[in-house]
Protein backbone atom coordinates (compact mmCIF):
# COMPACT_ATOMS: atom_id res chain seq x y z
CA UNK A 1 0.00 0.00 0.00
CA UNK A 2 2.79 2.39 0.89
CA UNK A 3 4.64 1.75 -2.38
CA UNK A 4 1.52 2.22 -4.47
CA UNK A 5 0.80 5.49 -2.68
CA UNK A 6 4.35 6.68 -3.33
CA UNK A 7 4.08 5.78 -7.02
CA UNK A 8 0.88 7.72 -7.41
CA UNK A 9 2.16 10.88 -5.78
CA UNK A 10 1.47 14.03 -7.68
CA UNK A 11 4.21 16.06 -9.36
CA UNK A 12 4.95 19.42 -7.73
CA UNK A 13 6.49 22.02 -10.07
CA UNK A 14 9.58 23.85 -8.86
CA UNK A 15 9.88 27.60 -8.60
CA UNK A 16 12.31 29.35 -10.93
CA UNK A 17 14.40 30.72 -8.08
CA UNK A 18 14.81 27.22 -6.61
CA UNK A 19 16.11 25.86 -9.92
CA UNK A 20 18.57 28.75 -10.27
CA UNK A 21 19.73 28.24 -6.68
CA UNK A 22 20.36 24.56 -7.42
CA UNK A 23 22.53 25.48 -10.42
CA UNK A 24 24.55 27.92 -8.30
CA UNK A 25 25.03 25.28 -5.60
CA UNK A 26 26.30 22.83 -8.22
CA UNK A 27 28.86 25.36 -9.45
CA UNK A 28 29.98 26.12 -5.89
CA UNK A 29 30.42 22.40 -5.18
CA UNK A 30 32.50 21.89 -8.32
CA UNK A 31 34.77 24.79 -7.40
CA UNK A 32 35.12 23.46 -3.85
CA UNK A 33 35.99 19.94 -5.02
CA UNK A 34 38.54 21.25 -7.52
CA UNK A 35 40.20 23.56 -4.99
CA UNK A 36 40.45 20.73 -2.43
CA UNK A 37 41.87 18.40 -5.06
CA UNK A 38 44.51 20.87 -6.30
CA UNK A 39 45.56 21.63 -2.71
CA UNK A 40 46.88 18.06 -2.53
CA UNK A 41 49.52 18.95 -5.16
CA UNK A 42 50.94 22.09 -3.53
CA UNK A 43 54.15 20.26 -2.69
CA UNK A 44 54.72 19.11 -6.27
CA UNK A 45 56.32 20.95 -9.15
CA UNK A 46 54.19 23.91 -10.34
CA UNK A 47 52.07 23.09 -13.36
CA UNK A 48 52.07 19.34 -12.81
CA UNK A 49 48.30 19.21 -13.50
CA UNK A 50 48.29 21.74 -16.33
CA UNK A 51 48.66 19.16 -19.12
CA UNK A 52 46.00 16.82 -17.74
CA UNK A 53 43.58 19.32 -16.20
CA UNK A 54 40.61 18.62 -18.56
CA UNK A 55 40.90 14.86 -18.02
CA UNK A 56 41.21 15.21 -14.23
CA UNK A 57 38.17 17.48 -14.08
CA UNK A 58 36.18 15.10 -16.26
CA UNK A 59 37.10 12.20 -13.94
CA UNK A 60 36.00 14.14 -10.84
CA UNK A 61 32.72 15.21 -12.46
CA UNK A 62 32.18 11.59 -13.52
CA UNK A 63 32.40 10.50 -9.89
CA UNK A 64 29.96 13.24 -8.86
CA UNK A 65 27.55 12.18 -11.60
CA UNK A 66 27.75 8.55 -10.49
CA UNK A 67 26.69 9.30 -6.91
CA UNK A 68 24.17 12.05 -7.69
CA UNK A 69 22.28 11.99 -10.98
CA UNK A 70 22.83 8.30 -11.74
CA UNK A 71 21.89 6.97 -8.31
CA UNK A 72 19.51 9.63 -6.95
CA UNK A 73 18.10 11.37 -10.06
CA UNK A 74 19.25 14.71 -8.62
CA UNK A 75 22.36 16.83 -8.41
CA UNK A 76 23.84 17.91 -5.07
CA UNK A 77 22.25 21.33 -5.26
CA UNK A 78 18.87 19.82 -6.06
CA UNK A 79 19.13 17.32 -3.20
CA UNK A 80 19.78 20.16 -0.77
CA UNK A 81 16.69 22.02 -2.00
CA UNK A 82 14.39 18.96 -2.01
CA UNK A 83 14.40 18.76 -5.84
CA UNK A 84 14.91 15.87 -8.24
CA UNK A 85 14.71 15.21 -11.98
CA UNK A 86 11.59 13.76 -13.60
CA UNK A 87 11.31 12.07 -16.98
CA UNK A 88 9.17 14.64 -18.75
CA UNK A 89 8.91 12.48 -21.89
CA UNK A 90 6.62 10.11 -20.03
CA UNK A 91 2.93 10.85 -20.52
CA UNK A 92 1.98 9.65 -17.04
CA UNK A 93 1.11 12.31 -14.53
CA UNK A 94 2.76 10.48 -11.66
CA UNK A 95 6.51 10.76 -11.02
CA UNK A 96 8.76 8.85 -13.43
CA UNK A 97 12.53 8.62 -12.75
CA UNK A 98 15.08 9.21 -15.47
CA UNK A 99 15.90 6.41 -17.83
CA UNK A 100 19.43 5.09 -18.23
CA UNK A 101 19.72 6.68 -21.66
CA UNK A 102 18.78 10.07 -20.28
CA UNK A 103 21.36 9.72 -17.50
CA UNK A 104 24.10 8.72 -19.97
CA UNK A 105 23.26 11.54 -22.36
CA UNK A 106 23.23 13.93 -19.41
CA UNK A 107 26.78 12.80 -18.62
CA UNK A 108 27.86 13.25 -22.25
CA UNK A 109 26.36 16.73 -22.58
CA UNK A 110 27.64 18.09 -19.27
CA UNK A 111 30.95 16.34 -18.53
CA UNK A 112 31.86 15.40 -22.10
CA UNK A 113 30.91 18.82 -23.47
CA UNK A 114 33.09 20.74 -20.99
CA UNK A 115 36.00 18.31 -21.54
CA UNK A 116 35.74 18.61 -25.33
CA UNK A 117 35.69 22.40 -25.18
CA UNK A 118 38.78 22.65 -22.98
CA UNK A 119 40.77 19.94 -24.75
CA UNK A 120 39.99 21.18 -28.26
CA UNK A 121 41.05 24.68 -27.28
CA UNK A 122 44.40 23.36 -25.99
CA UNK A 123 44.98 21.22 -29.07
CA UNK A 124 44.13 23.90 -31.63
CA UNK A 125 45.59 26.96 -29.88
CA UNK A 126 49.16 26.34 -31.08
CA UNK A 127 48.34 24.89 -34.53
CA UNK A 128 49.06 27.07 -37.52
CA UNK A 129 47.98 24.76 -40.36
CA UNK A 130 45.11 25.87 -42.56
CA UNK A 131 43.07 22.75 -41.83
CA UNK A 132 43.38 23.28 -38.09
CA UNK A 133 42.41 26.93 -38.48
CA UNK A 134 39.23 25.92 -40.30
CA UNK A 135 38.46 23.35 -37.60
CA UNK A 136 39.07 25.94 -34.93
CA UNK A 137 36.69 28.41 -36.59
CA UNK A 138 34.09 25.66 -36.93
CA UNK A 139 34.39 24.79 -33.24
CA UNK A 140 34.16 28.45 -32.25
CA UNK A 141 31.04 28.89 -34.37
CA UNK A 142 29.51 25.79 -32.81
CA UNK A 143 30.30 27.00 -29.30
CA UNK A 144 28.81 30.41 -30.07
CA UNK A 145 25.68 28.80 -31.49
CA UNK A 146 25.27 26.67 -28.37
CA UNK A 147 25.62 29.74 -26.14
CA UNK A 148 23.02 31.55 -28.21
CA UNK A 149 20.65 28.60 -27.88
CA UNK A 150 21.34 28.54 -24.15
CA UNK A 151 20.42 32.23 -23.93
CA UNK A 152 17.17 31.66 -25.81
CA UNK A 153 16.38 28.70 -23.59
CA UNK A 154 17.00 30.80 -20.49
CA UNK A 155 14.60 33.48 -21.73
CA UNK A 156 11.93 30.83 -22.33
CA UNK A 157 12.69 29.43 -18.86
CA UNK A 158 12.07 32.83 -17.27
CA UNK A 159 8.69 32.92 -18.96
CA UNK A 160 7.50 29.34 -18.41
CA UNK A 161 9.80 28.05 -15.65
CA UNK A 162 10.17 24.47 -16.93
CA UNK A 163 13.73 23.81 -18.25
CA UNK A 164 16.53 25.81 -16.65
CA UNK A 165 19.29 24.60 -19.00
CA UNK A 166 19.48 23.61 -22.65
CA UNK A 167 20.53 20.06 -21.68
CA UNK A 168 17.33 19.57 -19.68
CA UNK A 169 15.20 20.74 -22.61
CA UNK A 170 16.97 18.48 -25.13
CA UNK A 171 16.79 15.39 -22.91
CA UNK A 172 13.25 16.11 -21.69
CA UNK A 173 14.07 16.10 -17.97
CA UNK A 174 12.28 18.42 -15.59
CA UNK A 175 12.88 19.52 -12.01
CA UNK A 176 10.14 18.66 -9.50
CA UNK A 177 9.91 18.66 -5.71
CA UNK A 178 10.60 15.34 -4.00
CA UNK A 179 7.99 16.06 -1.33
CA UNK A 180 5.16 18.60 -1.22
CA UNK A 181 6.42 21.92 0.10
CA UNK A 182 4.85 22.82 3.42
CA UNK A 183 4.18 26.37 4.49
CA UNK A 184 7.08 27.64 6.57
CA UNK A 185 6.35 29.15 9.95
CA UNK A 186 8.20 32.44 9.92
CA UNK A 187 9.38 33.64 13.32
CA UNK A 188 9.57 37.38 13.75
CA UNK A 189 11.33 37.45 17.13
CA UNK A 190 14.78 37.90 15.61
CA UNK A 191 13.50 40.54 13.18
CA UNK A 192 11.82 42.43 16.02
CA UNK A 193 15.04 42.44 18.04
CA UNK A 194 17.01 43.71 15.06
CA UNK A 195 14.50 46.48 14.37
CA UNK A 196 14.48 47.50 18.03
CA UNK A 197 18.26 47.57 18.25
CA UNK A 198 18.66 49.56 15.02
CA UNK A 199 16.04 52.05 16.18
CA UNK A 200 17.81 52.46 19.53
CA UNK A 201 21.18 52.91 17.80
CA UNK A 202 19.76 55.60 15.50
CA UNK A 203 18.29 57.37 18.52
CA UNK A 204 21.69 57.37 20.26
CA UNK A 205 23.40 58.67 17.12
CA UNK A 206 20.92 61.56 17.05
CA UNK A 207 21.07 62.23 20.83
CA UNK A 208 24.78 61.97 21.69
CA UNK A 209 25.95 65.05 19.70
CA UNK A 210 23.43 67.15 21.67
CA UNK A 211 24.98 66.21 25.04
CA UNK A 212 27.90 68.29 26.33
CA UNK A 213 29.95 65.40 27.64
CA UNK A 214 32.84 67.60 28.79
CA UNK A 215 30.63 69.84 30.88
CA UNK A 216 28.79 66.86 32.34
CA UNK A 217 32.08 65.22 33.28
CA UNK A 218 33.33 68.37 35.00
CA UNK A 219 30.05 68.76 36.85
CA UNK A 220 30.20 65.22 38.17
CA UNK A 221 33.82 65.65 39.25
CA UNK A 222 32.91 68.84 41.12
CA UNK A 223 30.23 66.93 43.01
CA UNK A 224 32.56 64.06 43.85
CA UNK A 225 35.47 66.18 45.13
CA UNK A 226 34.19 69.60 46.21
CA UNK A 227 36.65 72.09 47.67
CA UNK A 228 35.19 74.77 49.90
CA UNK A 229 36.33 77.28 52.50
CA UNK A 230 39.23 78.76 50.53
CA UNK A 231 40.01 82.44 50.85
CA UNK A 232 39.46 84.57 47.81
CA UNK A 233 42.62 86.59 48.27
CA UNK A 234 45.43 86.24 45.79
CA UNK A 235 47.85 85.12 48.52
CA UNK A 236 45.63 82.17 49.35
CA UNK A 237 45.27 81.52 45.61
CA UNK A 238 49.03 81.33 45.21
CA UNK A 239 49.47 79.22 48.32
CA UNK A 240 46.88 76.50 47.79
CA UNK A 241 46.32 76.15 44.06
CA UNK A 242 49.49 74.53 42.81
CA UNK A 243 47.88 72.44 40.09
CA UNK A 244 45.54 73.02 37.17
CA UNK A 245 41.96 72.22 38.09
CA UNK A 246 41.45 70.59 34.69
CA UNK A 247 44.56 68.57 33.86
CA UNK A 248 45.94 68.17 37.41
CA UNK A 249 49.47 69.21 36.38
CA UNK A 250 51.57 72.18 37.42
CA UNK A 251 49.78 75.15 35.75
CA UNK A 252 51.42 76.46 32.60
CA UNK A 253 50.79 80.20 32.17
CA UNK A 254 48.33 80.11 35.12
CA UNK A 255 45.04 81.95 34.71
CA UNK A 256 41.93 82.43 36.81
CA UNK A 257 38.28 82.84 35.92
CA UNK A 258 37.26 84.79 39.04
CA UNK A 259 37.23 81.95 41.56
CA UNK A 260 39.83 80.47 43.91
CA UNK A 261 41.26 77.99 41.42
CA UNK A 262 44.03 78.09 38.86
CA UNK A 263 44.01 76.74 35.30
CA UNK A 264 46.54 76.31 32.53
CA UNK A 265 45.98 78.91 29.87
CA UNK A 266 45.51 76.35 27.11
CA UNK A 267 43.19 74.19 29.23
CA UNK A 268 40.84 76.99 30.23
CA UNK A 269 40.97 78.69 26.82
CA UNK A 270 40.10 75.55 24.87
CA UNK A 271 37.26 74.63 27.23
CA UNK A 272 35.88 78.17 27.18
CA UNK A 273 35.97 78.27 23.37
CA UNK A 274 34.22 74.91 23.27
CA UNK A 275 31.55 75.94 25.82
CA UNK A 276 30.65 79.57 26.46
CA UNK A 277 28.86 78.53 29.67
CA UNK A 278 31.88 76.74 31.09
CA UNK A 279 31.97 76.46 34.90
CA UNK A 280 34.80 75.62 37.28
CA UNK A 281 34.89 71.85 37.94
CA UNK A 282 35.87 72.47 41.57
CA UNK A 283 33.36 75.05 42.74
CA UNK A 284 30.95 75.48 39.82
CA UNK A 285 31.65 79.17 39.27
CA UNK A 286 31.02 80.54 35.80
CA UNK A 287 33.72 82.32 33.82
CA UNK A 288 33.66 86.00 34.74
CA UNK A 289 36.91 87.13 33.20
CA UNK A 290 39.95 85.18 32.07
CA UNK A 291 42.89 86.85 33.84
CA UNK A 292 46.52 85.78 34.28
CA UNK A 293 47.67 85.07 37.83
CA UNK A 294 49.46 88.12 39.23
CA UNK A 295 51.50 86.27 41.84
CA UNK A 296 53.88 83.66 40.51
CA UNK A 297 53.71 80.21 42.03
CA UNK A 298 57.24 79.18 42.87
CA UNK A 299 58.38 75.72 41.93
CA UNK A 300 59.70 75.19 45.44
CA UNK A 301 56.14 75.30 46.78
CA UNK A 302 55.48 72.08 44.97
CA UNK A 303 57.46 70.30 47.66
């Protein structure tokens, strides 16, 4: 009963994008196999595979064909996407696997065609005889005609979505789904998190330039280490303020802003130019007037 039900299963047509994805996966697999194979010969003399490259590639693609199309009626890319080939020449509506002749001709058209193109190009590239030149022109015309037919077939495929390659159309093989495609349950949790994070990042990018980080930092430092009770006389100023209230170093060209603290000229000038409402980080006094210190602070007072 189970086998009869499987034989009578309906044929599910494949979307165009799925067929194109299968072709791209096949190309990626071939490139991966060839790169892994050539990496085994890195220790040999350079160019050791150059003379036999078409034959080696044909042998590798023959092995791939044996374990994919010949045994499973599907290429590697099709197997990944739940696709397989169907014998479209059969008039039955139920699924019919490929015949042996179709599989052999598929091998000849794909593997044999690529091998013949590469090998004929190598054989005729260095020949200067008139007969070889005519043969070369004939081969080039044939290759161009095949590419033109492939282009026309691709345009028809975009319209009808039945045969993705010229080989499939000639052999009468069609891509179908192995099993009916079920509706995928799309989860939006990840998308919601991404949208929320991107929205929050854009909000921060808009908000951060509006915040005066320097002034906020100085305000917090004035709250953490307040200094009060100092005399406002210049003698007290010279006696107690032996470091810049901004950089913490010995003040260079000391200046005051009207409070009991001393600043380097470059420190206070740059901060005042950056913020017209700059306040002292120690006591919070605003800039009244930027004046140089009248009494010099001796270096010996540092000790």
